[in-house]
Protein backbone atom coordinates (compact mmCIF):
# COMPACT_ATOMS: atom_id res chain seq x y z
CA LYS A 1 97.57 87.61 92.95
CA GLU A 2 94.19 87.02 94.56
CA VAL A 3 93.29 83.69 96.09
CA GLY A 4 89.87 82.33 95.25
CA GLY A 5 87.57 83.54 92.51
CA VAL A 6 84.22 81.77 92.80
CA PHE A 7 81.87 83.91 90.74
CA LEU A 8 78.29 84.38 91.86
CA GLN A 9 75.44 86.07 90.06
CA LYS A 10 72.07 87.33 91.21
CA SER A 11 69.12 85.76 89.45
CA SER A 12 68.21 87.67 86.33
CA GLU A 13 64.57 86.74 86.81
CA SER A 14 62.51 88.44 89.49
CA CYS A 15 60.09 86.25 91.42
CA ASP A 16 58.58 89.00 93.54
CA LYS A 17 55.17 88.51 91.91
CA ASP A 18 55.45 85.03 90.44
CA ALA A 19 56.65 81.80 92.03
CA CYS A 20 60.01 80.38 91.05
CA LEU A 21 59.96 76.67 91.85
CA ILE A 22 62.19 73.64 91.39
CA LEU A 23 60.44 70.43 90.33
CA LYS A 24 62.38 67.21 90.86
CA ILE A 25 61.38 64.08 89.01
CA ALA A 26 61.68 60.73 90.78
CA LYS A 27 64.86 58.74 90.15
CA GLY A 28 64.39 56.21 87.36
CA SER A 29 61.38 57.94 85.87
CA VAL A 30 61.20 57.90 82.09
CA ASN A 31 58.39 60.46 81.96
CA MET A 32 60.51 63.61 81.81
CA PRO A 33 59.44 64.45 78.21
CA LYS A 34 55.81 63.83 79.14
CA ILE A 35 56.02 66.13 82.16
CA GLU A 36 57.78 68.78 80.09
CA ALA A 37 54.98 68.65 77.51
CA LEU A 38 52.39 68.89 80.29
CA LEU A 39 54.10 71.95 81.76
CA LYS A 40 54.11 73.68 78.39
CA SER A 41 50.44 72.84 77.84
CA MET A 42 49.62 74.57 81.14
CA ASP A 43 51.59 77.70 80.10
CA ILE A 44 54.09 77.18 82.92
CA SER A 45 57.42 78.73 81.94
CA ILE A 46 60.41 76.37 82.08
CA GLN A 47 63.40 78.47 83.13
CA ASP A 48 65.95 75.64 83.20
CA THR A 49 66.25 71.87 82.81
CA TYR A 50 68.37 69.40 84.78
CA ALA A 51 69.22 65.96 83.42
CA SER A 52 72.53 64.79 84.93
CA LEU A 53 72.82 64.94 88.72
CA ILE A 54 69.06 65.17 89.11
CA LYS A 55 66.14 65.19 86.70
CA GLY A 56 63.88 68.18 86.88
CA PHE A 57 62.99 71.71 85.94
CA VAL A 58 63.14 75.27 87.24
CA LEU A 59 59.66 76.73 86.77
CA ARG A 60 58.12 80.16 86.82
CA VAL A 61 54.48 79.95 87.82
CA PRO A 62 52.16 82.98 88.04
CA ASN A 63 50.31 81.43 90.99
CA ALA A 64 51.84 78.63 93.06
CA ALA A 65 48.43 77.63 94.43
CA SER A 66 46.88 77.24 90.99
CA PRO A 67 45.17 73.97 89.89
CA PRO A 68 48.04 73.09 87.53
CA MET A 69 50.44 72.99 90.46
CA ARG A 70 48.11 70.76 92.44
CA LEU A 71 47.93 68.47 89.44
CA LEU A 72 51.72 68.31 89.19
CA SER A 73 52.08 67.64 92.93
CA SER A 74 49.76 64.66 92.65
CA MET A 75 51.72 62.96 89.87
CA LYS A 76 53.67 59.88 91.00
CA ASP A 77 56.71 60.81 88.93
CA VAL A 78 57.05 64.18 90.64
CA GLU A 79 59.16 63.64 93.74
CA LEU A 80 59.58 67.23 95.01
CA ILE A 81 58.39 70.74 94.30
CA GLU A 82 60.08 73.45 96.34
CA ASP A 83 60.82 77.16 96.25
CA ASP A 84 63.91 78.29 94.39
CA SER A 85 65.17 79.86 97.60
CA ARG A 86 68.06 82.30 97.87
CA LEU A 87 71.48 81.30 99.19
CA SER A 88 73.99 83.79 100.53
CA VAL A 89 77.64 84.00 101.39
CA GLU A 90 78.19 85.00 105.01
CA GLN A 91 80.31 88.13 105.20
CA TRP A 92 82.21 86.95 108.27
CA ALA A 93 84.69 89.78 107.90
CA VAL A 94 82.36 92.59 108.96
CA GLU A 95 81.14 90.60 111.95
CA ARG A 96 84.73 90.03 113.06
CA ILE A 97 85.72 93.70 112.98
CA THR A 98 82.57 95.00 114.67
CA PRO A 99 83.11 95.59 118.41
CA LYS A 100 81.09 93.15 120.50
CA HIS A 101 79.64 95.88 122.68
CA ARG A 102 78.18 97.54 119.58
CA HIS A 103 75.88 94.54 119.12
CA LYS A 104 74.65 94.84 122.70
CA SER A 105 73.95 98.56 122.48
CA ASN A 106 72.61 98.56 118.89
CA LEU A 107 74.87 101.50 118.07
CA ALA A 108 74.85 102.39 114.40
CA PRO A 109 78.33 102.79 112.90
CA LEU A 110 79.46 106.01 111.28
CA ASN A 111 78.91 105.75 107.53
CA GLY A 112 81.55 108.04 106.03
CA THR A 113 79.10 110.66 104.73
CA ASP A 114 80.75 113.46 102.71
CA VAL A 115 84.15 111.74 102.69
CA ASN A 116 85.81 111.24 99.29
CA VAL A 117 87.57 107.91 98.76
CA TYR A 118 90.01 107.71 95.85
CA VAL A 119 90.48 104.10 94.73
CA VAL A 120 93.73 103.80 92.79
CA ASP A 121 93.18 100.55 90.93
CA THR A 122 91.77 99.06 87.71
CA GLY A 123 88.76 101.38 87.82
CA ILE A 124 85.24 100.92 89.18
CA TRP A 125 82.29 99.41 87.31
CA THR A 126 80.04 102.28 88.34
CA GLN A 127 76.91 100.65 86.84
CA HIS A 128 76.89 97.95 89.51
CA GLY A 129 73.86 98.16 91.78
CA GLU A 130 76.10 98.32 94.84
CA PHE A 131 77.13 101.86 93.96
CA ASP A 132 73.73 103.43 93.32
CA GLY A 133 75.21 106.64 91.96
CA LYS A 134 77.83 107.00 94.71
CA ALA A 135 80.76 105.90 92.52
CA LYS A 136 82.21 108.14 89.81
CA PHE A 137 84.89 107.51 87.24
CA ALA A 138 87.31 110.31 88.11
CA TYR A 139 90.54 109.84 86.14
CA SER A 140 92.42 107.31 84.03
CA VAL A 141 96.07 107.38 83.04
CA PHE A 142 94.96 105.42 79.93
CA GLY A 143 92.35 107.83 78.63
CA ASN A 144 89.34 105.74 77.53
CA ARG A 145 91.32 102.65 76.53
CA TYR A 146 89.97 100.30 79.22
CA GLY A 147 86.50 101.61 80.04
CA ASP A 148 85.28 101.83 83.62
CA ASP A 149 86.92 98.60 84.83
CA SER A 150 88.18 95.94 82.47
CA ASN A 151 89.48 93.67 85.24
CA GLY A 152 87.10 93.73 88.21
CA HIS A 153 89.65 94.21 90.98
CA GLY A 154 88.92 97.90 91.55
CA THR A 155 85.18 97.23 91.60
CA GLN A 156 85.66 94.58 94.27
CA VAL A 157 87.77 96.91 96.39
CA ALA A 158 85.35 99.84 96.04
CA SER A 159 82.31 97.73 96.93
CA LEU A 160 83.87 96.75 100.25
CA ILE A 161 84.53 100.39 101.07
CA GLY A 162 81.21 101.93 100.12
CA GLY A 163 78.80 99.44 98.51
CA LYS A 164 75.19 100.05 99.54
CA THR A 165 74.67 96.50 100.83
CA ILE A 166 78.14 95.07 101.43
CA GLY A 167 80.20 98.23 101.99
CA LEU A 168 81.41 99.26 105.41
CA ALA A 169 81.13 103.04 104.93
CA LYS A 170 77.98 103.33 102.84
CA GLY A 171 77.90 107.13 102.81
CA VAL A 172 81.25 107.79 101.13
CA ASN A 173 81.76 109.20 97.66
CA LEU A 174 83.83 106.74 95.61
CA HIS A 175 86.20 108.02 92.94
CA ALA A 176 87.82 105.63 90.47
CA VAL A 177 91.41 106.56 89.68
CA GLN A 178 92.48 104.05 87.03
CA ALA A 179 96.20 103.28 87.10
CA MET A 180 96.18 99.51 86.55
CA GLU A 181 95.73 97.82 83.19
CA PHE A 182 93.20 95.12 82.28
CA ASP A 183 95.53 92.39 83.60
CA GLY A 184 95.71 94.03 87.02
CA THR A 185 99.27 95.30 86.71
CA GLY A 186 100.61 98.81 86.40
CA SER A 187 103.86 100.74 86.22
CA VAL A 188 105.23 102.93 88.99
CA SER A 189 105.14 105.87 86.59
CA ASN A 190 101.41 105.41 86.02
CA VAL A 191 100.72 105.19 89.75
CA LEU A 192 102.74 108.38 90.22
CA LYS A 193 100.61 110.06 87.56
CA ALA A 194 97.46 108.93 89.39
CA LEU A 195 98.72 110.21 92.75
CA GLU A 196 99.69 113.50 91.10
CA TRP A 197 96.13 113.85 89.82
CA ILE A 198 94.77 113.18 93.31
CA ALA A 199 97.11 115.75 94.85
CA GLU A 200 95.84 118.37 92.41
CA ASN A 201 92.14 117.47 92.36
CA ALA A 202 91.12 115.71 95.57
CA LYS A 203 88.33 117.22 97.62
CA LEU A 204 88.84 117.03 101.37
CA PRO A 205 88.11 115.18 103.55
CA ALA A 206 89.65 112.39 101.52
CA VAL A 207 91.40 109.04 101.83
CA VAL A 208 93.30 107.01 99.21
CA ASN A 209 93.14 103.21 98.87
CA MET A 210 95.96 101.38 97.06
CA SER A 211 95.38 97.63 96.91
CA PHE A 212 98.55 96.66 95.07
CA ASN A 213 102.20 96.03 95.81
CA GLY A 214 105.45 95.52 93.92
CA GLN A 215 109.18 96.10 93.76
CA LYS A 216 110.60 98.53 96.31
CA SER A 217 110.44 102.09 94.96
CA GLY A 218 111.82 105.13 96.75
CA VAL A 219 110.10 107.39 94.21
CA LEU A 220 106.67 105.89 94.95
CA ASP A 221 107.26 106.12 98.69
CA SER A 222 108.23 109.78 98.34
CA ALA A 223 105.04 110.53 96.42
CA ILE A 224 102.92 108.85 99.09
CA ASP A 225 104.67 110.84 101.82
CA ALA A 226 104.01 114.06 99.90
CA LEU A 227 100.33 113.15 99.62
CA LEU A 228 100.20 112.54 103.37
CA GLU A 229 101.74 115.97 103.95
CA LYS A 230 98.81 117.44 102.02
CA GLY A 231 96.48 115.95 104.64
CA ILE A 232 95.29 112.94 102.64
CA PRO A 233 95.67 109.59 104.45
CA VAL A 234 96.84 106.63 102.39
CA VAL A 235 95.93 102.99 103.01
CA ALA A 236 97.88 100.28 101.17
CA ALA A 237 97.71 96.50 101.02
CA ALA A 238 100.68 94.62 102.50
CA GLY A 239 100.84 92.26 99.51
CA ASN A 240 100.24 88.57 98.91
CA GLU A 241 103.72 87.10 98.50
CA ALA A 242 104.15 85.80 102.08
CA LYS A 243 107.27 87.96 102.36
CA ASN A 244 108.47 90.81 104.52
CA ALA A 245 106.36 93.85 103.58
CA CYS A 246 109.35 96.13 104.23
CA GLY A 247 111.01 94.81 101.09
CA MET A 248 108.28 96.01 98.72
CA SER A 249 106.38 99.20 97.83
CA PRO A 250 104.11 100.76 98.82
CA SER A 251 103.98 98.35 101.78
CA ASP A 252 107.32 99.60 103.09
CA ASP A 253 105.98 103.12 103.70
CA GLN A 254 105.67 103.40 107.47
CA LYS A 255 103.87 106.75 107.31
CA ALA A 256 100.97 105.19 105.41
CA VAL A 257 98.60 102.60 106.90
CA ILE A 258 99.73 99.16 105.70
CA VAL A 259 97.20 96.34 106.01
CA GLY A 260 97.88 92.62 106.23
CA ALA A 261 95.20 89.94 105.85
CA SER A 262 93.87 87.71 108.62
CA ASP A 263 91.71 84.60 108.20
CA GLU A 264 88.63 83.16 109.89
CA THR A 265 90.74 81.56 112.63
CA ASP A 266 92.46 84.85 113.54
CA LYS A 267 95.74 83.82 111.96
CA ARG A 268 97.76 85.80 109.48
CA ALA A 269 96.46 84.60 106.12
CA PHE A 270 99.06 82.24 104.66
CA PHE A 271 99.65 84.53 101.64
CA SER A 272 99.82 87.83 103.51
CA ASN A 273 103.05 89.77 103.70
CA TYR A 274 104.24 90.45 107.23
CA GLY A 275 106.76 92.30 109.39
CA SER A 276 107.29 95.58 111.17
CA CYS A 277 106.07 97.69 108.23
CA VAL A 278 102.55 96.25 108.61
CA THR A 279 100.35 98.60 110.64
CA LEU A 280 97.55 96.16 111.42
CA PHE A 281 95.53 93.27 110.04
CA ALA A 282 91.98 93.04 108.72
CA PRO A 283 89.97 90.07 107.39
CA GLY A 284 91.15 89.14 103.90
CA THR A 285 90.00 85.60 103.14
CA ASN A 286 86.72 84.49 101.56
CA VAL A 287 85.41 88.03 101.30
CA TYR A 288 82.18 88.67 99.38
CA ALA A 289 82.55 91.58 96.94
CA ALA A 290 80.93 93.09 93.86
CA SER A 291 82.50 92.32 90.49
CA VAL A 292 82.18 93.12 86.81
CA PRO A 293 79.94 91.23 84.33
CA PHE A 294 82.87 90.14 82.20
CA THR A 295 86.47 88.99 82.39
CA PRO A 296 89.56 90.37 80.65
CA LYS A 297 89.22 87.54 78.09
CA SER A 298 85.64 88.47 77.23
CA MET A 299 85.95 92.25 77.33
CA PHE A 300 86.57 92.43 73.57
CA GLY A 301 83.93 89.81 72.74
CA PRO A 302 80.17 90.10 72.13
CA PRO A 303 78.16 92.30 74.53
CA VAL A 304 77.01 90.57 77.69
CA LYS A 305 73.98 91.17 79.83
CA GLN A 306 74.79 93.87 82.37
CA SER A 307 73.67 92.19 85.58
CA ASP A 308 75.10 92.51 89.07
CA HIS A 309 77.92 90.03 89.60
CA TYR A 310 79.66 89.15 92.87
CA VAL A 311 82.82 87.26 93.74
CA VAL A 312 84.19 85.42 96.76
CA THR A 313 87.87 86.25 96.92
CA SER A 314 90.89 86.61 99.18
CA GLY A 315 93.92 88.86 99.40
CA THR A 316 95.38 91.79 101.28
CA SER A 317 93.71 93.81 98.50
CA PHE A 318 90.42 93.13 100.27
CA ALA A 319 91.69 93.65 103.80
CA ALA A 320 92.84 97.19 103.01
CA PRO A 321 89.34 98.47 102.02
CA PHE A 322 87.99 97.70 105.50
CA VAL A 323 90.64 99.99 106.98
CA THR A 324 90.04 102.65 104.32
CA ALA A 325 86.34 102.57 105.17
CA SER A 326 87.12 102.85 108.89
CA ILE A 327 89.28 105.92 108.28
CA ALA A 328 86.48 107.43 106.18
CA MET A 329 84.10 106.81 109.09
CA LEU A 330 86.42 108.69 111.43
CA LEU A 331 86.75 111.56 108.97
CA SER A 332 82.98 111.85 108.68
CA SER A 333 82.81 112.55 112.41
CA ASN A 334 85.85 114.86 112.44
CA PRO A 335 87.11 116.08 109.02
CA SER A 336 90.03 117.93 110.60
CA LEU A 337 91.86 114.77 111.69
CA THR A 338 95.33 114.49 110.16
CA PRO A 339 96.81 111.32 108.61
CA VAL A 340 99.05 110.89 111.67
CA GLN A 341 96.09 111.23 114.04
CA LEU A 342 93.94 108.88 111.98
CA LYS A 343 96.61 106.19 111.94
CA LYS A 344 97.02 106.42 115.70
CA ILE A 345 93.27 106.28 116.33
CA ILE A 346 92.79 103.24 114.08
CA VAL A 347 95.58 101.41 115.89
CA ASP A 348 94.31 102.43 119.33
CA ILE A 349 90.69 101.36 118.81
CA SER A 350 91.59 98.02 117.24
CA GLU A 351 91.98 94.74 119.13
CA HIS A 352 95.45 93.96 120.39
CA GLY A 353 96.78 90.49 121.12
CA VAL A 354 93.91 88.50 119.55
CA LEU A 355 95.73 87.11 116.52
CA LYS A 356 97.64 83.82 116.70
CA PRO A 357 101.20 84.96 117.58
CA ASP A 358 102.98 82.08 115.84
CA SER A 359 101.53 83.16 112.48
CA LEU A 360 102.60 86.81 112.63
CA LEU A 361 106.37 86.62 111.95
CA ASN A 362 107.21 89.83 113.83
CA SER A 363 104.10 91.67 112.64
CA PRO A 364 102.07 93.75 115.11
CA ASN A 365 99.33 91.75 116.82
CA ILE A 366 96.54 94.18 115.95
CA LEU A 367 93.17 93.38 114.35
CA LEU A 368 91.01 96.18 112.95
CA GLN A 369 87.83 97.18 114.75
CA ILE A 370 85.19 99.53 113.32
CA PRO A 371 85.21 102.98 114.99
CA LEU A 372 82.25 103.91 117.16
């Protein structure tokens, strides 16, 4: 249950050498066909056409200062010609969890180098440019039934942990452990199978991210505790039902690190689970993450162009990766730290008392901060 889902896509056309321009035709002009014909006669490539909200074209021009462009600029029906500039989504979350004194001292954060992060989820679309060879498909309880990631959720989570541009711990090794099906759900038995594989195959130092939640399960909690005893810290999302996290699993496991979501106003996000089982909060609304170039509905359809897609989304699923990345950063500086020590350090270095108390419903007033 993620809130949001506004899909973004990087331009498939590079304008590093050529000029990508937007030409707007004056309101009321009837010369759009004439201008289109003129553009084609000058060998200017028309990338797109607008005819409803505005009239105009997206153009690709080998040289913006060429005579044809001067000719177009002088035409009375041409109202505007401007660069097709890039827009971006501000990743407020990283700014909020970065200690203020780090900005003043220009300290570079630890990057999680040589730490292995096991993302138990829907998989990871390893071809995404955010991963740049740092993400590997490690294990699937489904064999090859669903490919690398047929849903997108695991890719989003992994990109926040270790993506090369939007990840918090850019040096980590990401391992996809696929236990969730294409619809984003999974059985306890499949999660147990995934955790069993991690217990037998994980390379230390390691940390596990589990951005899912469900019915209370003593068996699942026992498996997590056993993994912790092997020296592998576990971070889990608190869940998005606006309920007490102690009534669900794995968010009821008080030995793991359980992460609730906060919003831009430093309140508990309205959907975030709460209560004494939550360890701390991290930003979980309007987070910018990598995604897959398809949806579950299209995965069995015709092939699509494999370009880098991004999504703006919300959920405790996307608060947990910030904590996972922070633990990986600590492990990169001291691989011998135990899960108990790591949990204590994360709580100690985070901000206390900054969240709006009336939104917390007996949750700890602790907001993640990146380790120095």
